[in-house]
Amino acid sequence: MPYRRLPNTDLARIRAMKAALKKGTLLHPFDLAFSQNLYLHLKTFLPLFEKAADDQRRAANVQAAKNKDYLNAYKKAQMYISHFIQVLNFTIARGELPAKTRKYYGFDIEEKKVPALNSDEELIEFGTKLIHGEHTRTMEGGSPILNPKISLISMHYEKFIEAYHYQKRLKESSAKANMNVASLRMKADQIILDIWNEVEKNFESYEPNEKRKLSASYGLVYVYRKSEKMTSESLMQLSA
């Protein structure tokens, strides 16, 4: 025996509510298989839920599309910052700069390790330190480090910061849209459940197959259990 399955995705919820709403627009209130109060409630609620679901999809799509730009900016800044630190260490190793030069950039004098720069926070921290440190050192008369120049580091760092903050805003927008949809799902499920219960009750005097057929026209979904489906298919094959 097929069983009724309530929608478990937002698209399925919208389909179910649209099917019921369509019946409400086609039939006279006295012929509708669920109450007029529920119909009016559905008519008011469905546009709100649809808009919330659309906003959620749009926010998620924009965030995914712009994530590529963010990752490119991140990798570029990571590469140039890492390269600058390596060049600094090589310059000190060759004796062209004293070890104390590292202090300008926030490193210990003997620190030769290049940071992993595997997070936004690390990239922001070391990018800021390098730009500030190189500016301070050259203002005091020190020769600038070349290849890469700090101006190049600064350019890629600023592009990363811009992409980082934009992506952060997109994440916040997406999270807000997710919360908005989540706050409406319970109400959507309750409306669908009430409609489906009333529809099935309205057709309860009909033979089971006819009841399911009439109910399905209102958006109700019936599915076979796996074992039942296999049995049904086997019977069809035997009778063929």
Protein backbone atom coordinates (compact mmCIF):
# COMPACT_ATOMS: atom_id res chain seq x y z
CA MET A 1 0.00 0.00 0.00
CA PRO A 2 1.52 3.37 -1.00
CA TYR A 3 2.08 5.83 1.82
CA ARG A 4 1.84 9.60 1.86
CA ARG A 5 5.17 11.41 1.86
CA LEU A 6 5.36 15.03 2.95
CA PRO A 7 7.83 17.29 1.11
CA ASN A 8 11.32 17.51 2.61
CA THR A 9 12.88 20.15 0.34
CA ASP A 10 11.90 23.77 -0.26
CA LEU A 11 11.20 23.12 -3.94
CA ALA A 12 8.93 20.21 -3.01
CA ARG A 13 7.15 22.40 -0.44
CA ILE A 14 6.55 25.08 -3.08
CA ARG A 15 5.25 22.49 -5.57
CA ALA A 16 2.85 21.10 -2.97
CA MET A 17 1.52 24.53 -2.04
CA LYS A 18 1.21 25.62 -5.67
CA ALA A 19 -0.81 22.51 -6.52
CA ALA A 20 -3.22 23.21 -3.66
CA LEU A 21 -3.42 26.90 -4.54
CA LYS A 22 -4.21 26.08 -8.18
CA LYS A 23 -7.13 23.94 -7.05
CA GLY A 24 -8.35 26.84 -4.96
CA THR A 25 -8.37 29.16 -7.97
CA LEU A 26 -10.15 26.62 -10.22
CA LEU A 27 -12.87 25.37 -7.90
CA HIS A 28 -15.77 27.00 -6.09
CA PRO A 29 -15.13 27.18 -2.32
CA PHE A 30 -17.90 24.64 -1.72
CA ASP A 31 -16.22 22.18 -4.11
CA LEU A 32 -12.72 22.59 -2.67
CA ALA A 33 -11.45 19.61 -0.67
CA PHE A 34 -9.95 21.83 2.03
CA SER A 35 -11.30 24.80 3.95
CA GLN A 36 -11.54 28.35 2.62
CA ASN A 37 -9.62 29.60 5.66
CA LEU A 38 -6.70 27.34 4.78
CA TYR A 39 -6.89 28.49 1.16
CA LEU A 40 -6.69 32.17 2.17
CA HIS A 41 -3.84 31.37 4.57
CA LEU A 42 -2.01 29.54 1.77
CA LYS A 43 -2.62 32.37 -0.70
CA THR A 44 -0.98 34.85 1.69
CA PHE A 45 1.88 32.64 2.80
CA LEU A 46 3.09 31.06 -0.46
CA PRO A 47 4.47 34.28 -2.03
CA LEU A 48 6.43 34.98 1.17
CA PHE A 49 7.95 31.51 1.19
CA GLU A 50 8.72 31.60 -2.54
CA LYS A 51 10.50 34.94 -2.21
CA ALA A 52 12.51 33.71 0.78
CA ALA A 53 13.54 30.55 -1.12
CA ASP A 54 14.44 32.61 -4.22
CA ASP A 55 16.52 35.01 -2.11
CA GLN A 56 18.31 32.05 -0.56
CA ARG A 57 19.16 30.48 -3.94
CA ARG A 58 20.26 33.82 -5.37
CA ALA A 59 22.51 34.56 -2.38
CA ALA A 60 24.07 31.10 -2.55
CA ASN A 61 24.66 31.39 -6.32
CA VAL A 62 26.30 34.81 -6.03
CA GLN A 63 28.50 33.63 -3.18
CA ALA A 64 29.61 30.56 -5.17
CA ALA A 65 30.28 32.62 -8.30
CA LYS A 66 32.36 35.22 -6.46
CA ASN A 67 34.25 32.64 -4.42
CA LYS A 68 36.52 31.99 -7.41
CA ASP A 69 37.57 35.65 -7.49
CA TYR A 70 38.24 35.55 -3.75
CA LEU A 71 40.37 32.39 -4.01
CA ASN A 72 42.40 33.85 -6.89
CA ALA A 73 43.07 37.03 -4.89
CA TYR A 74 43.96 34.95 -1.82
CA LYS A 75 46.45 32.78 -3.71
CA LYS A 76 48.11 35.76 -5.40
CA ALA A 77 48.54 37.63 -2.11
CA GLN A 78 49.75 34.45 -0.40
CA MET A 79 52.36 33.87 -3.11
CA TYR A 80 53.72 37.42 -3.11
CA ILE A 81 53.81 37.76 0.69
CA SER A 82 55.57 34.40 1.01
CA HIS A 83 58.03 35.37 -1.73
CA PHE A 84 58.82 38.69 -0.05
CA ILE A 85 59.64 36.92 3.25
CA GLN A 86 61.85 34.41 1.44
CA VAL A 87 63.74 37.21 -0.33
CA LEU A 88 64.15 39.00 3.01
CA ASN A 89 65.69 35.85 4.51
CA PHE A 90 67.97 35.31 1.49
CA THR A 91 69.12 38.93 1.66
CA ILE A 92 69.98 38.52 5.35
CA ALA A 93 71.69 35.17 4.65
CA ARG A 94 73.90 36.84 2.04
CA GLY A 95 74.88 39.52 4.57
CA GLU A 96 73.27 42.33 2.59
CA LEU A 97 70.98 43.16 5.52
CA PRO A 98 71.55 42.55 9.26
CA ALA A 99 69.39 39.95 11.05
CA LYS A 100 67.82 42.69 13.16
CA THR A 101 66.03 43.87 9.99
CA ARG A 102 63.44 41.17 10.67
CA LYS A 103 62.17 43.23 13.62
CA TYR A 104 60.69 45.76 11.21
CA TYR A 105 58.35 43.08 9.92
CA GLY A 106 57.36 41.67 13.30
CA PHE A 107 59.69 38.66 13.24
CA ASP A 108 62.23 37.54 15.81
CA ILE A 109 65.81 38.25 14.79
CA GLU A 110 66.63 34.57 14.25
CA GLU A 111 63.25 33.58 12.78
CA LYS A 112 63.94 32.10 9.35
CA LYS A 113 60.75 30.12 8.90
CA VAL A 114 58.25 31.36 6.32
CA PRO A 115 54.72 31.28 7.80
CA ALA A 116 52.24 28.91 6.12
CA LEU A 117 49.71 31.72 5.43
CA ASN A 118 46.90 29.16 5.33
CA SER A 119 44.16 31.41 6.69
CA ASP A 120 42.67 34.83 6.01
CA GLU A 121 43.81 35.96 9.44
CA GLU A 122 47.45 34.99 8.81
CA LEU A 123 47.45 36.64 5.40
CA ILE A 124 46.00 39.86 6.83
CA GLU A 125 48.41 39.82 9.77
CA PHE A 126 51.61 39.29 7.76
CA GLY A 127 50.50 41.43 4.82
CA THR A 128 49.97 44.36 7.19
CA LYS A 129 53.28 43.75 8.94
CA LEU A 130 55.28 43.59 5.71
CA ILE A 131 53.76 46.73 4.21
CA HIS A 132 54.13 48.71 7.42
CA GLY A 133 57.62 47.34 8.12
CA GLU A 134 59.01 48.02 4.65
CA HIS A 135 57.54 51.53 4.66
CA THR A 136 59.08 52.28 8.07
CA ARG A 137 62.47 50.82 7.15
CA THR A 138 62.80 52.72 3.86
CA MET A 139 61.60 55.94 5.50
CA GLU A 140 64.55 55.53 7.88
CA GLY A 141 66.93 55.31 4.92
CA GLY A 142 67.04 51.58 4.26
CA SER A 143 67.28 50.29 0.70
CA PRO A 144 63.99 48.79 -0.52
CA ILE A 145 63.72 45.08 -1.12
CA LEU A 146 63.21 44.38 -4.81
CA ASN A 147 61.70 41.51 -6.72
CA PRO A 148 59.05 41.66 -5.41
CA LYS A 149 58.73 45.33 -4.55
CA ILE A 150 56.50 46.24 -1.64
CA SER A 151 54.27 48.18 -4.06
CA LEU A 152 53.48 44.88 -5.79
CA ILE A 153 52.84 43.21 -2.44
CA SER A 154 50.56 46.08 -1.46
CA MET A 155 48.60 45.89 -4.73
CA HIS A 156 47.84 42.16 -4.39
CA TYR A 157 47.20 42.53 -0.67
CA GLU A 158 44.61 45.27 -1.28
CA LYS A 159 42.91 43.16 -3.94
CA PHE A 160 42.73 40.29 -1.47
CA ILE A 161 41.33 42.53 1.28
CA GLU A 162 38.66 43.83 -1.08
CA ALA A 163 37.70 40.29 -2.18
CA TYR A 164 37.82 39.07 1.44
CA HIS A 165 35.42 41.72 2.73
CA TYR A 166 33.09 41.28 -0.26
CA GLN A 167 32.98 37.52 0.26
CA LYS A 168 32.37 38.06 3.95
CA ARG A 169 29.36 40.26 3.14
CA LEU A 170 28.08 37.62 0.73
CA LYS A 171 28.40 34.94 3.42
CA GLU A 172 26.47 37.12 5.86
CA SER A 173 23.79 37.74 3.24
CA SER A 174 23.58 34.01 2.49
CA ALA A 175 23.36 33.16 6.19
CA LYS A 176 20.57 35.71 6.66
CA ALA A 177 18.66 34.25 3.70
CA ASN A 178 19.10 30.74 5.12
CA MET A 179 17.75 31.83 8.49
CA ASN A 180 14.78 33.53 6.86
CA VAL A 181 13.80 30.38 4.96
CA ALA A 182 14.39 28.22 8.04
CA SER A 183 12.06 30.43 10.08
CA LEU A 184 9.27 29.84 7.52
CA ARG A 185 9.69 26.10 6.94
CA MET A 186 7.80 25.02 10.04
CA LYS A 187 4.83 27.16 9.03
CA ALA A 188 4.99 25.84 5.46
CA ASP A 189 5.04 22.25 6.71
CA GLN A 190 2.07 22.91 8.98
CA ILE A 191 0.02 24.45 6.18
CA ILE A 192 0.80 21.54 3.86
CA LEU A 193 0.01 19.00 6.57
CA ASP A 194 -3.33 20.67 7.38
CA ILE A 195 -4.29 20.83 3.70
CA TRP A 196 -3.32 17.22 3.04
CA ASN A 197 -5.19 16.01 6.12
CA GLU A 198 -8.34 17.86 5.09
CA VAL A 199 -8.09 16.65 1.50
CA GLU A 200 -7.73 13.00 2.53
CA LYS A 201 -10.59 13.32 4.99
CA ASN A 202 -12.76 14.84 2.27
CA PHE A 203 -12.14 11.81 0.03
CA GLU A 204 -12.14 9.15 2.74
CA SER A 205 -15.35 7.53 1.44
CA TYR A 206 -13.75 6.74 -1.90
CA GLU A 207 -12.04 3.48 -2.85
CA PRO A 208 -8.30 3.71 -1.90
CA ASN A 209 -6.92 4.05 -5.43
CA GLU A 210 -9.51 6.65 -6.38
CA LYS A 211 -8.91 8.49 -3.09
CA ARG A 212 -5.18 8.69 -3.82
CA LYS A 213 -5.82 9.80 -7.40
CA LEU A 214 -8.13 12.63 -6.30
CA SER A 215 -5.82 13.64 -3.47
CA ALA A 216 -2.80 13.66 -5.78
CA SER A 217 -4.50 16.33 -7.90
CA TYR A 218 -4.17 18.58 -4.84
CA GLY A 219 -0.44 17.96 -4.65
CA LEU A 220 -0.37 15.00 -2.27
CA VAL A 221 2.48 12.60 -2.96
CA TYR A 222 2.18 8.85 -2.52
CA VAL A 223 5.11 6.45 -2.82
CA TYR A 224 5.54 2.69 -2.60
CA ARG A 225 7.89 1.16 -0.10
CA LYS A 226 10.81 -0.58 -1.75
CA SER A 227 9.47 -4.09 -1.10
CA GLU A 228 6.00 -3.10 -2.33
CA LYS A 229 7.43 -1.57 -5.48
CA MET A 230 9.38 -4.75 -6.24
CA THR A 231 6.27 -6.86 -5.69
CA SER A 232 4.20 -4.60 -7.94
CA GLU A 233 6.79 -4.76 -10.72
CA SER A 234 7.03 -8.57 -10.39
CA LEU A 235 3.25 -8.94 -10.72
CA MET A 236 3.25 -6.76 -13.81
CA GLN A 237 5.98 -8.91 -15.38
CA LEU A 238 4.07 -12.16 -14.59
CA SER A 239 0.88 -10.80 -16.09
CA ALA A 240 2.63 -9.61 -19.27
